[in-house]
Amino acid sequence: MENKEVLLSLKDLEITFGEGKNKFVAVQDVNFDIYKGETFSLVGESGSGKTTIGRAVVGLNPTSHGDIIFEGQRINGKLPKDQRADVIRKIQMIFQDPSASLNERATVEYIISEGLYNFNLFNSEKERLQKVEAIIKEVGLLPEHLYRYPHEFSGGQRQRIGIARALIMNPELVVADEPISALDVSIRAQVLNLLKKFQNEQNLTYLFVAHDLSVVRFISDRIAVIRAGRIVELAETEELFKNPLHPYTKALLSAVPIPDPKLAKRKILTVYDPSIHDYSTDKPTFKEVKPGHFVYGNEKEFAQYQQDLKTLA
């Protein structure tokens, strides 16, 4: 991944909710770069902070510390109006629930056009309609679908409308927040293939948020595993699947379903126990254990991880 252009950087990011005694630290010490044209996945169980990070990147969640740097500019915190508008256009989000994220009272044509109206991205009514018809075909729907309402569509079709709404803006970065978790298994592959197709054609960059490692294996270049608001491991996809180091990553991988019932019966589930880490004196850091493979731990654990890597090799 050397010589790749960094599109988005998160540096020492912290996100908190509430104040005083009610203050809750949802995300802390998050550091990673996303390269232009790659799919970077954030994986963790519910409540781990992955969606919170995604929403902070698009400006929906305020940050309490650290920097979000996009195309060399800091974008968290107060921004001039024109810069904020530029960021909103360039970073789009595909939401988890296709039902809740679409305006039930608006036609599909208006839903997809809303960004075009807000940013004046067309010169004539004819051009706007051409853009909308082109994108609706691209996502596998028909032009006659444009004048219907969201409730007339299935979950998979609604998610396609959500994808069309995001991609018509020609974004640089798309935050995909569990875009397939609400869909039937048979539809999931279609939506993932659709996202991959747009990436190949438009050199799109994805921050893909998911809780299922088997899904992200298919689509990701690199994966960061997050637990309780902290990234515990980050590596290229195949490296993470071949050489998982952190006990939490191993537990997540052990939970990936196996299609073969005979093999599934013999599978041993690994349960992660946070009390195995003793950080009372030897404090943990997030460190590179081999090129491109980072893990969270203290010196004693790093020595063990290095040993594990030698054994795996």
Protein backbone atom coordinates (compact mmCIF):
# COMPACT_ATOMS: atom_id res chain seq x y z
CA MET A 1 0.00 0.00 0.00
CA GLU A 2 3.05 2.29 -0.20
CA ASN A 3 2.90 5.21 -2.66
CA LYS A 4 -0.86 5.24 -2.29
CA GLU A 5 -2.60 8.54 -1.84
CA VAL A 6 -4.17 8.97 1.60
CA LEU A 7 -7.74 10.26 1.21
CA LEU A 8 -8.88 10.21 4.84
CA SER A 9 -6.89 10.20 8.09
CA LEU A 10 -8.17 9.74 11.62
CA LYS A 11 -5.69 10.88 14.25
CA ASP A 12 -6.17 10.24 18.01
CA LEU A 13 -9.92 10.46 17.52
CA GLU A 14 -12.17 10.54 20.57
CA ILE A 15 -15.96 10.83 20.56
CA THR A 16 -17.92 11.35 23.78
CA PHE A 17 -21.60 11.72 24.61
CA GLY A 18 -23.02 13.56 27.61
CA GLU A 19 -21.18 15.69 30.14
CA GLY A 20 -19.89 15.51 33.71
CA LYS A 21 -20.99 12.37 35.53
CA ASN A 22 -23.03 11.27 32.52
CA LYS A 23 -20.09 11.52 30.14
CA PHE A 24 -19.62 8.39 28.07
CA VAL A 25 -16.52 7.83 25.95
CA ALA A 26 -17.81 5.99 22.89
CA VAL A 27 -14.58 6.01 20.85
CA GLN A 28 -10.98 6.68 21.88
CA ASP A 29 -7.45 6.70 20.42
CA VAL A 30 -8.60 5.81 16.92
CA ASN A 31 -5.85 6.14 14.30
CA PHE A 32 -5.98 4.95 10.71
CA ASP A 33 -5.57 6.12 7.11
CA ILE A 34 -7.81 5.24 4.18
CA TYR A 35 -6.18 5.21 0.74
CA LYS A 36 -7.86 6.49 -2.40
CA GLY A 37 -9.71 3.74 -4.25
CA GLU A 38 -9.66 1.14 -1.46
CA THR A 39 -12.34 -0.41 0.70
CA PHE A 40 -11.46 -0.05 4.37
CA SER A 41 -13.71 -1.99 6.72
CA LEU A 42 -14.45 -1.33 10.38
CA VAL A 43 -15.65 -4.51 12.05
CA GLY A 44 -16.94 -5.08 15.55
CA GLU A 45 -19.97 -6.18 17.52
CA SER A 46 -22.98 -3.95 18.20
CA GLY A 47 -22.13 -0.95 20.36
CA SER A 48 -18.40 -1.07 19.60
CA GLY A 49 -18.36 2.43 18.12
CA LYS A 50 -17.99 1.64 14.42
CA THR A 51 -21.13 3.50 13.28
CA THR A 52 -20.22 6.37 15.64
CA ILE A 53 -16.92 6.77 13.74
CA GLY A 54 -18.70 6.58 10.36
CA ARG A 55 -21.17 9.27 11.42
CA ALA A 56 -18.33 11.49 12.69
CA VAL A 57 -16.62 11.25 9.28
CA VAL A 58 -19.75 12.59 7.53
CA GLY A 59 -20.15 15.28 10.20
CA LEU A 60 -23.22 13.84 11.98
CA ASN A 61 -21.41 13.16 15.28
CA PRO A 62 -19.23 15.85 16.92
CA THR A 63 -15.76 14.77 18.07
CA SER A 64 -14.28 15.63 21.47
CA HIS A 65 -10.59 15.19 20.57
CA GLY A 66 -8.37 14.43 17.60
CA ASP A 67 -8.55 15.15 13.89
CA ILE A 68 -10.43 13.89 10.86
CA ILE A 69 -8.39 14.93 7.83
CA PHE A 70 -9.93 14.63 4.37
CA GLU A 71 -7.91 15.55 1.26
CA GLY A 72 -5.36 17.27 3.53
CA GLN A 73 -7.95 19.45 5.33
CA ARG A 74 -9.25 19.02 8.88
CA ILE A 75 -13.01 18.53 8.58
CA ASN A 76 -14.19 17.94 12.16
CA GLY A 77 -15.22 20.96 14.19
CA LYS A 78 -16.44 24.28 12.84
CA LEU A 79 -15.91 24.82 9.12
CA PRO A 80 -16.63 27.75 6.81
CA LYS A 81 -19.96 27.28 5.04
CA ASP A 82 -18.47 26.65 1.57
CA GLN A 83 -15.94 24.10 2.92
CA ARG A 84 -18.66 22.24 4.86
CA ALA A 85 -20.80 22.10 1.69
CA ASP A 86 -17.83 20.73 -0.28
CA VAL A 87 -17.27 18.01 2.34
CA ILE A 88 -20.98 17.09 2.36
CA ARG A 89 -20.91 16.63 -1.41
CA LYS A 90 -17.67 14.65 -1.47
CA ILE A 91 -18.45 12.33 1.47
CA GLN A 92 -21.74 10.48 1.12
CA MET A 93 -23.33 7.88 3.39
CA ILE A 94 -25.34 4.74 2.67
CA PHE A 95 -27.42 4.03 5.76
CA GLN A 96 -28.09 0.70 7.45
CA ASP A 97 -31.87 0.79 7.36
CA PRO A 98 -33.17 1.47 3.86
CA SER A 99 -36.69 2.02 5.22
CA ALA A 100 -35.83 4.68 7.79
CA SER A 101 -33.38 6.62 5.63
CA LEU A 102 -35.78 7.39 2.76
CA ASN A 103 -38.50 10.05 2.93
CA GLU A 104 -41.77 8.09 2.64
CA ARG A 105 -43.64 11.13 1.32
CA ALA A 106 -41.28 11.84 -1.55
CA THR A 107 -41.06 10.07 -4.90
CA VAL A 108 -37.89 8.17 -5.74
CA GLU A 109 -37.15 10.80 -8.39
CA TYR A 110 -37.16 13.57 -5.75
CA ILE A 111 -35.17 11.50 -3.20
CA ILE A 112 -32.37 10.89 -5.71
CA SER A 113 -32.49 14.49 -7.01
CA GLU A 114 -32.34 16.16 -3.59
CA GLY A 115 -28.54 16.44 -3.55
CA LEU A 116 -28.54 17.75 -7.12
CA TYR A 117 -30.99 20.50 -6.09
CA ASN A 118 -29.06 21.37 -2.91
CA PHE A 119 -25.74 21.76 -4.72
CA ASN A 120 -26.98 22.98 -8.13
CA LEU A 121 -25.33 20.05 -9.89
CA PHE A 122 -27.30 20.41 -13.12
CA ASN A 123 -27.70 23.10 -15.78
CA SER A 124 -31.20 22.25 -16.97
CA GLU A 125 -34.20 20.17 -15.97
CA LYS A 126 -33.42 17.86 -18.89
CA GLU A 127 -29.86 17.25 -17.64
CA ARG A 128 -31.11 16.53 -14.09
CA LEU A 129 -33.59 13.95 -15.37
CA GLN A 130 -30.91 12.34 -17.55
CA LYS A 131 -28.62 12.01 -14.53
CA VAL A 132 -31.38 10.51 -12.38
CA GLU A 133 -32.48 8.04 -15.08
CA ALA A 134 -28.86 7.00 -15.72
CA ILE A 135 -28.16 6.26 -12.03
CA ILE A 136 -31.46 4.40 -11.49
CA LYS A 137 -30.56 2.07 -14.37
CA GLU A 138 -27.03 1.67 -12.99
CA VAL A 139 -28.39 0.37 -9.68
CA GLY A 140 -30.63 -2.12 -11.48
CA LEU A 141 -34.01 -0.36 -11.26
CA LEU A 142 -36.21 0.96 -14.07
CA PRO A 143 -36.98 4.57 -15.07
CA GLU A 144 -40.70 3.95 -14.36
CA HIS A 145 -39.75 3.29 -10.71
CA LEU A 146 -38.86 6.98 -10.35
CA TYR A 147 -42.43 8.11 -9.80
CA ARG A 148 -43.24 5.61 -7.07
CA TYR A 149 -42.83 5.97 -3.31
CA PRO A 150 -40.39 4.06 -1.05
CA HIS A 151 -43.11 1.89 0.56
CA GLU A 152 -43.79 0.34 -2.86
CA PHE A 153 -40.35 -1.28 -2.93
CA SER A 154 -38.68 -4.27 -1.25
CA GLY A 155 -35.79 -3.81 1.20
CA GLY A 156 -33.20 -4.63 -1.46
CA GLN A 157 -34.72 -2.17 -3.92
CA ARG A 158 -34.83 0.55 -1.26
CA GLN A 159 -31.18 0.01 -0.51
CA ARG A 160 -30.47 0.44 -4.24
CA ILE A 161 -32.34 3.77 -4.10
CA GLY A 162 -30.13 4.76 -1.13
CA ILE A 163 -27.02 3.82 -3.13
CA ALA A 164 -28.26 5.83 -6.13
CA ARG A 165 -28.92 8.85 -3.89
CA ALA A 166 -25.33 8.71 -2.57
CA LEU A 167 -23.58 8.02 -5.88
CA ILE A 168 -25.37 10.62 -8.02
CA MET A 169 -23.31 13.21 -6.09
CA ASN A 170 -20.05 11.81 -7.56
CA PRO A 171 -18.52 11.46 -4.08
CA GLU A 172 -14.86 10.78 -3.35
CA LEU A 173 -15.65 8.73 -0.23
CA VAL A 174 -18.71 6.67 0.66
CA VAL A 175 -19.37 5.65 4.26
CA ALA A 176 -21.40 2.43 3.96
CA ASP A 177 -22.96 1.76 7.37
CA GLU A 178 -23.91 -1.94 7.42
CA PRO A 179 -25.59 -1.46 4.02
CA ILE A 180 -26.60 -5.12 3.71
CA SER A 181 -27.41 -6.21 7.27
CA ALA A 182 -31.14 -5.47 6.84
CA LEU A 183 -31.34 -7.44 3.59
CA ASP A 184 -32.12 -11.07 2.75
CA VAL A 185 -29.04 -13.23 2.19
CA SER A 186 -29.95 -13.71 -1.49
CA ILE A 187 -29.94 -9.94 -2.07
CA ARG A 188 -26.75 -9.21 -0.13
CA ALA A 189 -24.36 -10.45 -2.82
CA GLN A 190 -26.17 -8.35 -5.45
CA VAL A 191 -25.76 -5.17 -3.40
CA LEU A 192 -22.09 -5.94 -2.63
CA ASN A 193 -21.42 -6.60 -6.33
CA LEU A 194 -23.11 -3.32 -7.15
CA LEU A 195 -20.86 -1.42 -4.71
CA LYS A 196 -17.79 -3.17 -6.15
CA LYS A 197 -18.85 -2.31 -9.70
CA PHE A 198 -19.15 1.41 -8.89
CA GLN A 199 -15.79 1.30 -7.16
CA ASN A 200 -14.09 -0.16 -10.22
CA GLU A 201 -15.75 2.28 -12.60
CA GLN A 202 -15.39 5.48 -10.56
CA ASN A 203 -12.35 4.75 -8.37
CA LEU A 204 -14.57 5.20 -5.31
CA THR A 205 -13.24 4.85 -1.79
CA TYR A 206 -15.37 3.06 0.82
CA LEU A 207 -15.37 3.11 4.59
CA PHE A 208 -17.42 -0.02 5.11
CA VAL A 209 -18.94 -0.58 8.57
CA ALA A 210 -19.99 -4.15 9.43
CA HIS A 211 -20.28 -6.68 12.25
CA ASP A 212 -19.82 -9.75 10.06
CA LEU A 213 -16.26 -10.64 9.06
CA SER A 214 -17.38 -13.06 6.32
CA VAL A 215 -19.08 -10.17 4.47
CA VAL A 216 -16.12 -7.82 4.60
CA ARG A 217 -13.65 -10.47 3.45
CA PHE A 218 -15.24 -10.36 0.03
CA ILE A 219 -15.19 -6.58 -0.35
CA SER A 220 -12.29 -5.19 1.75
CA ASP A 221 -8.67 -4.34 1.05
CA ARG A 222 -7.92 -3.75 4.74
CA ILE A 223 -9.85 -4.38 7.94
CA ALA A 224 -9.76 -2.70 11.35
CA VAL A 225 -11.28 -4.64 14.24
CA ILE A 226 -12.88 -2.42 16.89
CA ARG A 227 -13.97 -3.33 20.40
CA ALA A 228 -15.48 -1.02 23.03
CA GLY A 229 -14.50 2.10 21.07
CA ARG A 230 -10.88 1.10 20.55
CA ILE A 231 -9.22 -0.44 17.50
CA VAL A 232 -7.52 -3.67 18.59
CA GLU A 233 -6.14 -4.90 15.25
CA LEU A 234 -5.66 -3.62 11.71
CA ALA A 235 -4.27 -5.48 8.71
CA GLU A 236 -4.79 -6.32 5.06
CA THR A 237 -7.77 -8.64 4.63
CA GLU A 238 -6.00 -11.93 3.88
CA GLU A 239 -3.32 -11.21 6.48
CA LEU A 240 -6.00 -10.70 9.15
CA PHE A 241 -7.78 -13.95 8.24
CA LYS A 242 -4.53 -15.94 8.05
CA ASN A 243 -2.70 -14.46 11.03
CA PRO A 244 -5.16 -13.02 13.55
CA LEU A 245 -3.21 -11.95 16.64
CA HIS A 246 -5.51 -10.22 19.10
CA PRO A 247 -7.71 -12.65 21.12
CA TYR A 248 -10.80 -10.57 20.25
CA THR A 249 -10.12 -10.90 16.50
CA LYS A 250 -9.73 -14.66 16.96
CA ALA A 251 -13.09 -14.78 18.77
CA LEU A 252 -14.80 -12.83 15.95
CA LEU A 253 -13.28 -15.12 13.33
CA SER A 254 -14.38 -18.22 15.22
CA ALA A 255 -17.98 -16.94 15.00
CA VAL A 256 -17.96 -16.78 11.18
CA PRO A 257 -20.49 -19.42 10.02
CA ILE A 258 -19.25 -22.46 8.07
CA PRO A 259 -21.62 -23.57 5.26
CA ASP A 260 -20.72 -27.27 5.62
CA PRO A 261 -22.85 -28.79 8.46
CA LYS A 262 -20.31 -31.55 9.21
CA LEU A 263 -17.46 -29.08 9.59
CA ALA A 264 -19.71 -26.66 11.48
CA LYS A 265 -20.41 -29.33 14.13
CA ARG A 266 -16.70 -29.73 14.81
CA LYS A 267 -16.01 -26.01 14.96
CA ILE A 268 -14.81 -24.68 18.31
CA LEU A 269 -16.06 -21.24 19.27
CA THR A 270 -13.52 -18.97 20.93
CA VAL A 271 -14.94 -16.72 23.63
CA TYR A 272 -13.05 -13.50 24.31
CA ASP A 273 -12.35 -12.69 27.95
CA PRO A 274 -11.09 -9.09 28.47
CA SER A 275 -9.68 -9.99 31.91
CA ILE A 276 -6.76 -11.87 30.27
CA HIS A 277 -5.04 -8.51 29.70
CA ASP A 278 -3.07 -7.12 32.62
CA TYR A 279 -2.49 -3.44 31.87
CA SER A 280 -1.94 -2.31 35.50
CA THR A 281 1.77 -1.48 35.05
CA ASP A 282 2.73 -2.47 31.48
CA LYS A 283 0.53 -0.02 29.52
CA PRO A 284 -0.85 -0.92 26.07
CA THR A 285 -0.28 0.93 22.78
CA PHE A 286 -1.38 0.42 19.17
CA LYS A 287 1.73 -0.78 17.37
CA GLU A 288 2.89 -2.26 14.07
CA VAL A 289 4.06 -5.86 14.61
CA LYS A 290 4.89 -6.48 10.96
CA PRO A 291 4.57 -4.15 7.93
CA GLY A 292 0.93 -3.10 7.65
CA HIS A 293 -0.24 -5.27 10.57
CA PHE A 294 -1.06 -3.29 13.74
CA VAL A 295 -2.28 -4.63 17.06
CA TYR A 296 -3.22 -3.17 20.45
CA GLY A 297 -1.29 -4.52 23.42
CA ASN A 298 1.54 -4.04 25.91
CA GLU A 299 5.20 -5.06 25.61
CA LYS A 300 4.62 -8.54 27.05
CA GLU A 301 1.78 -9.16 24.58
CA PHE A 302 3.81 -7.79 21.64
CA ALA A 303 6.55 -10.31 22.41
CA GLN A 304 3.89 -13.05 22.34
CA TYR A 305 2.40 -11.73 19.07
CA GLN A 306 5.86 -11.71 17.46
CA GLN A 307 6.27 -15.32 18.59
CA ASP A 308 2.85 -16.23 17.18
CA LEU A 309 3.76 -14.71 13.82
CA LYS A 310 6.96 -16.78 13.66
CA THR A 311 4.97 -19.92 14.48
CA LEU A 312 2.31 -19.11 11.83
CA ALA A 313 5.00 -18.43 9.24
